[in-house]
Amino acid sequence: MSVHVPPWATDVFGQPAPLVQVGLGQALRNMQANAQAAHEQSDSLTKHTFGMSRWENQFQRVQDELKDLPYATAVRPYRFPFDLMLVGRGLIYPYKYAETTAEIKKARGPKESELIRELFSFAPPVRHVQDALDIDWGLSEPQTDPRGGLANLPEGTRLVLVPFACNASELLAAFWGIAALGANRHLDWLTEPAPLTVPKTVTSHGTRLSTIPAQVTVESQHTGFAEGSEPTLTLSSRRSSERLRGIPPLTETEPVQDQTSEDDATH
């Protein structure tokens, strides 16, 4: 099956660009399926489980699909729990831009954070002329120097955004492209945000428990009292001084005082 790859993607990712495009679509499909499964299993009345699972899977499933490609490297940003994938010169950052079929050209960029400021240091400068209705208080964010794994990226690395729209019911749309981050989180797209083809089939890169192993129970192991193991008896002789003083024999071991309490499990 032939895949149409935008020219900018070939320039940034090199020869693996078609595989990156296909892999991103598959990663987002797997992300959605895993998040929906987590939500269903939790039987929760809120969307918190879906949201947390979706956030984790949007990075880990991309790594699953792209980690074995030529020129692919996992990069861990400073104090970030997941790796981002660098393929060729393209540093990939997926994020959710909407829960409905919103217009991608009007979508805002990722929510502001130090990580986002570090990532957009690998984006081109803003070309967008601010609209008359956009409010700019003249307070521009200071340039943040990349830290952690981002500090070691090669010269010429380019940030590639992968915005997608989804909710707990379905994955609505997915795109990829290069953009600069302007005032009020407006994106200045330097490339046309190209739609990603998302397959219907879900794939898995790990082994999952498909059957419950046979459980060995007491009933199946011992069918009668006489077939059980004999208990171990500890015998000791009484000292002569105890017998002369009429001290009764000790037939049970004194209980050991518990040094823990229920509170220890929660502190």
Protein backbone atom coordinates (compact mmCIF):
# COMPACT_ATOMS: atom_id res chain seq x y z
CA MET A 1 0.00 0.00 0.00
CA SER A 2 1.49 3.33 -1.06
CA VAL A 3 1.56 6.15 1.48
CA HIS A 4 1.58 9.80 0.48
CA VAL A 5 4.14 11.53 2.66
CA PRO A 6 4.33 15.34 2.86
CA PRO A 7 7.65 16.73 1.56
CA TRP A 8 8.50 18.30 4.92
CA ALA A 9 8.20 14.87 6.61
CA THR A 10 10.73 13.32 4.23
CA ASP A 11 13.08 16.22 4.90
CA VAL A 12 12.76 15.87 8.68
CA PHE A 13 12.51 12.09 9.15
CA GLY A 14 14.47 10.94 6.13
CA GLN A 15 13.95 7.50 4.61
CA PRO A 16 11.73 6.16 7.47
CA ALA A 17 9.15 8.95 6.93
CA PRO A 18 6.44 6.63 5.48
CA LEU A 19 6.90 4.22 8.39
CA VAL A 20 6.67 7.09 10.86
CA GLN A 21 3.40 8.22 9.30
CA VAL A 22 1.88 4.74 9.45
CA GLY A 23 3.25 4.10 12.93
CA LEU A 24 1.76 7.27 14.37
CA GLY A 25 -1.71 6.35 13.10
CA GLN A 26 -1.41 2.87 14.61
CA ALA A 27 -0.09 4.27 17.91
CA LEU A 28 -3.09 6.57 18.28
CA ARG A 29 -5.50 3.73 17.52
CA ASN A 30 -3.84 1.60 20.22
CA MET A 31 -3.88 4.57 22.62
CA GLN A 32 -7.63 5.00 22.21
CA ALA A 33 -8.34 1.29 22.61
CA ASN A 34 -6.24 0.98 25.77
CA ALA A 35 -7.79 4.07 27.34
CA GLN A 36 -11.32 2.86 26.58
CA ALA A 37 -10.52 -0.57 28.04
CA ALA A 38 -9.17 1.02 31.23
CA HIS A 39 -12.31 3.14 31.53
CA GLU A 40 -14.60 0.15 31.08
CA GLN A 41 -12.68 -2.00 33.55
CA SER A 42 -12.74 0.72 36.21
CA ASP A 43 -16.55 0.97 36.01
CA SER A 44 -16.13 4.63 36.94
CA LEU A 45 -18.80 7.31 36.68
CA THR A 46 -16.17 9.90 35.71
CA LYS A 47 -13.71 10.14 32.81
CA HIS A 48 -10.64 10.35 35.06
CA THR A 49 -9.46 6.81 34.33
CA PHE A 50 -9.84 7.33 30.59
CA GLY A 51 -7.94 10.61 30.72
CA MET A 52 -5.01 9.25 32.73
CA SER A 53 -4.72 6.14 30.57
CA ARG A 54 -4.96 8.19 27.38
CA TRP A 55 -2.22 10.57 28.57
CA GLU A 56 0.16 7.72 29.36
CA ASN A 57 -0.63 5.74 26.22
CA GLN A 58 -0.20 8.69 23.84
CA PHE A 59 3.54 8.54 24.57
CA GLN A 60 4.14 4.85 25.24
CA ARG A 61 2.26 3.56 22.20
CA VAL A 62 4.20 5.95 19.93
CA GLN A 63 7.40 4.53 21.37
CA ASP A 64 6.14 0.98 20.72
CA GLU A 65 5.53 1.72 17.04
CA LEU A 66 8.66 3.76 16.27
CA LYS A 67 11.43 2.46 18.52
CA ASP A 68 12.70 -0.12 16.01
CA LEU A 69 12.80 2.23 13.01
CA PRO A 70 16.14 3.33 11.52
CA TYR A 71 17.52 6.51 13.10
CA ALA A 72 15.00 6.28 15.98
CA THR A 73 16.02 7.25 19.51
CA ALA A 74 14.05 7.55 22.75
CA VAL A 75 14.58 10.89 24.51
CA ARG A 76 13.59 11.55 28.14
CA PRO A 77 12.90 15.24 28.92
CA TYR A 78 13.81 16.65 32.30
CA ARG A 79 11.46 15.42 35.06
CA PHE A 80 9.04 13.93 32.52
CA PRO A 81 7.76 10.37 33.14
CA PHE A 82 7.79 9.23 29.50
CA ASP A 83 10.14 9.14 26.54
CA LEU A 84 9.61 11.13 23.37
CA MET A 85 10.70 9.65 20.05
CA LEU A 86 13.32 11.27 17.85
CA VAL A 87 13.45 9.88 14.31
CA GLY A 88 16.06 11.49 12.10
CA ARG A 89 15.73 15.19 12.90
CA GLY A 90 12.08 14.99 13.99
CA LEU A 91 11.20 15.15 17.70
CA ILE A 92 7.60 13.92 18.01
CA TYR A 93 5.17 15.35 20.55
CA PRO A 94 1.55 14.03 20.53
CA TYR A 95 -1.15 15.91 22.42
CA LYS A 96 -4.94 16.16 22.58
CA TYR A 97 -6.25 19.41 21.13
CA ALA A 98 -10.01 18.83 21.39
CA GLU A 99 -12.76 16.41 22.40
CA THR A 100 -14.86 17.27 19.33
CA THR A 101 -14.24 17.67 15.62
CA ALA A 102 -12.77 21.15 16.05
CA GLU A 103 -10.97 22.90 13.19
CA ILE A 104 -7.30 22.07 13.48
CA LYS A 105 -6.20 25.46 12.11
CA LYS A 106 -8.02 27.17 14.99
CA ALA A 107 -6.78 24.77 17.64
CA ARG A 108 -4.57 25.96 20.47
CA GLY A 109 -1.19 24.52 21.21
CA PRO A 110 -0.35 22.30 24.20
CA LYS A 111 -0.99 23.68 27.66
CA GLU A 112 1.75 25.93 28.97
CA SER A 113 4.52 24.35 31.01
CA GLU A 114 8.29 24.42 31.25
CA LEU A 115 8.43 21.26 29.14
CA ILE A 116 6.40 22.90 26.38
CA ARG A 117 8.67 25.95 26.39
CA GLU A 118 11.69 23.66 26.12
CA LEU A 119 10.11 21.69 23.28
CA PHE A 120 9.22 24.80 21.29
CA SER A 121 12.85 25.89 21.40
CA PHE A 122 13.12 23.33 18.56
CA ALA A 123 10.31 25.03 16.60
CA PRO A 124 10.71 27.79 14.00
CA PRO A 125 10.08 31.43 14.98
CA VAL A 126 6.54 32.78 14.80
CA ARG A 127 5.49 34.35 11.48
CA HIS A 128 1.80 34.83 12.35
CA VAL A 129 0.53 38.41 12.39
CA GLN A 130 -1.61 38.79 15.48
CA ASP A 131 -5.33 39.22 14.88
CA ALA A 132 -6.98 42.41 16.04
CA LEU A 133 -9.08 40.52 18.58
CA ASP A 134 -6.11 38.72 20.10
CA ILE A 135 -5.04 40.30 23.35
CA ASP A 136 -1.30 40.63 23.84
CA TRP A 137 -0.18 42.20 27.08
CA GLY A 138 3.39 42.38 25.86
CA LEU A 139 4.55 39.73 28.29
CA SER A 140 6.47 37.16 26.31
CA GLU A 141 7.70 34.01 27.99
CA PRO A 142 11.46 33.89 28.52
CA GLN A 143 13.36 31.42 26.38
CA THR A 144 13.85 28.17 28.29
CA ASP A 145 17.01 26.22 27.64
CA PRO A 146 16.39 22.49 27.09
CA ARG A 147 17.29 20.20 29.97
CA GLY A 148 17.63 16.47 30.48
CA GLY A 149 17.59 14.44 27.29
CA LEU A 150 16.51 17.47 25.29
CA ALA A 151 19.81 19.19 26.06
CA ASN A 152 21.68 16.52 24.07
CA LEU A 153 19.65 16.67 20.86
CA PRO A 154 21.67 17.28 17.71
CA GLU A 155 21.76 20.57 15.88
CA GLY A 156 18.88 20.96 13.43
CA THR A 157 16.33 18.95 15.48
CA ARG A 158 12.79 20.02 14.60
CA LEU A 159 9.69 19.66 16.79
CA VAL A 160 6.87 17.76 15.05
CA LEU A 161 3.42 18.14 16.62
CA VAL A 162 0.87 15.31 16.49
CA PRO A 163 -2.43 16.87 17.64
CA PHE A 164 -5.45 14.58 17.92
CA ALA A 165 -9.09 14.94 18.93
CA CYS A 166 -10.72 12.21 20.99
CA ASN A 167 -13.11 11.49 23.82
CA ALA A 168 -14.09 8.41 25.81
CA SER A 169 -16.27 7.23 22.90
CA GLU A 170 -14.01 7.55 19.87
CA LEU A 171 -10.89 8.92 18.22
CA LEU A 172 -12.13 11.69 15.97
CA ALA A 173 -9.13 13.07 14.08
CA ALA A 174 -5.33 13.12 14.05
CA PHE A 175 -2.79 15.36 12.30
CA TRP A 176 0.93 16.03 12.16
CA GLY A 177 2.94 19.06 11.18
CA ILE A 178 5.39 21.77 12.22
CA ALA A 179 4.21 24.93 13.96
CA ALA A 180 5.49 27.78 16.08
CA LEU A 181 3.80 28.75 19.32
CA GLY A 182 2.52 32.32 19.39
CA ALA A 183 0.72 34.46 21.95
CA ASN A 184 -2.20 32.94 23.86
CA ARG A 185 -1.14 29.45 22.68
CA HIS A 186 -2.03 30.21 19.06
CA LEU A 187 -0.23 27.94 16.61
CA ASP A 188 1.47 29.37 13.56
CA TRP A 189 1.57 26.39 11.18
CA LEU A 190 4.64 26.46 8.97
CA THR A 191 3.47 23.29 7.24
CA GLU A 192 -0.09 22.34 6.37
CA PRO A 193 -1.26 20.07 9.23
CA ALA A 194 -1.66 16.81 7.34
CA PRO A 195 -4.27 14.25 8.46
CA LEU A 196 -3.01 10.90 9.72
CA THR A 197 -4.72 7.70 8.63
CA VAL A 198 -5.84 5.80 11.72
CA PRO A 199 -6.42 2.07 11.13
CA LYS A 200 -9.37 0.21 12.61
CA THR A 201 -7.27 -2.72 13.84
CA VAL A 202 -5.64 -2.63 17.27
CA THR A 203 -2.19 -4.17 17.68
CA SER A 204 -0.27 -5.15 20.81
CA HIS A 205 3.49 -5.26 21.32
CA GLY A 206 3.39 -7.01 24.68
CA THR A 207 2.29 -10.37 26.03
CA ARG A 208 -1.01 -10.40 27.84
CA LEU A 209 -2.63 -13.01 30.06
CA SER A 210 -5.13 -14.75 27.79
CA THR A 211 -6.02 -17.72 30.03
CA ILE A 212 -6.12 -18.19 33.78
CA PRO A 213 -3.54 -20.76 34.90
CA ALA A 214 -4.83 -23.88 36.66
CA GLN A 215 -5.12 -23.17 40.36
CA VAL A 216 -4.02 -25.80 42.89
CA THR A 217 -6.54 -25.87 45.73
CA VAL A 218 -6.51 -27.65 49.06
CA GLU A 219 -9.49 -29.77 47.99
CA SER A 220 -7.78 -31.01 44.83
CA GLN A 221 -4.46 -31.65 46.58
CA HIS A 222 -5.77 -33.47 49.70
CA THR A 223 -8.97 -35.47 49.44
CA GLY A 224 -8.94 -36.74 53.02
CA PHE A 225 -7.71 -35.83 56.49
CA ALA A 226 -5.38 -38.82 56.67
CA GLU A 227 -3.63 -37.78 53.42
CA GLY A 228 -2.38 -34.49 54.80
CA SER A 229 1.15 -33.88 56.00
CA GLU A 230 1.88 -34.82 59.58
CA PRO A 231 2.40 -31.85 61.89
CA THR A 232 5.84 -31.22 63.31
CA LEU A 233 5.96 -31.60 67.12
CA THR A 234 8.51 -29.80 69.22
CA LEU A 235 9.36 -31.82 72.39
CA SER A 236 11.34 -30.59 75.36
CA SER A 237 11.99 -32.05 78.83
CA ARG A 238 11.08 -30.22 82.06
CA ARG A 239 13.82 -29.21 84.40
CA SER A 240 13.92 -31.06 87.76
CA SER A 241 13.52 -27.76 89.66
CA GLU A 242 10.18 -27.16 87.97
CA ARG A 243 8.91 -30.62 88.87
CA LEU A 244 9.93 -30.26 92.55
CA ARG A 245 8.20 -26.87 92.87
CA GLY A 246 4.99 -28.17 91.28
CA ILE A 247 5.07 -25.83 88.27
CA PRO A 248 2.55 -27.13 85.69
CA PRO A 249 3.94 -28.04 82.27
CA LEU A 250 3.69 -25.46 79.49
CA THR A 251 1.58 -27.02 76.74
CA GLU A 252 1.09 -23.96 74.48
CA THR A 253 3.51 -21.37 73.22
CA GLU A 254 2.92 -17.92 74.68
CA PRO A 255 1.59 -15.49 72.07
CA VAL A 256 4.04 -12.98 70.68
CA GLN A 257 2.93 -9.38 71.09
CA ASP A 258 2.26 -7.70 67.74
CA GLN A 259 4.59 -4.77 67.11
CA THR A 260 2.55 -3.29 64.25
CA SER A 261 -0.89 -1.84 63.87
CA GLU A 262 -3.36 -1.19 61.07
CA ASP A 263 -2.17 2.40 60.86
CA ASP A 264 1.26 1.22 59.66
CA ALA A 265 -0.25 0.24 56.30
CA THR A 266 -1.46 3.75 55.63
CA HIS A 267 1.46 5.81 56.86
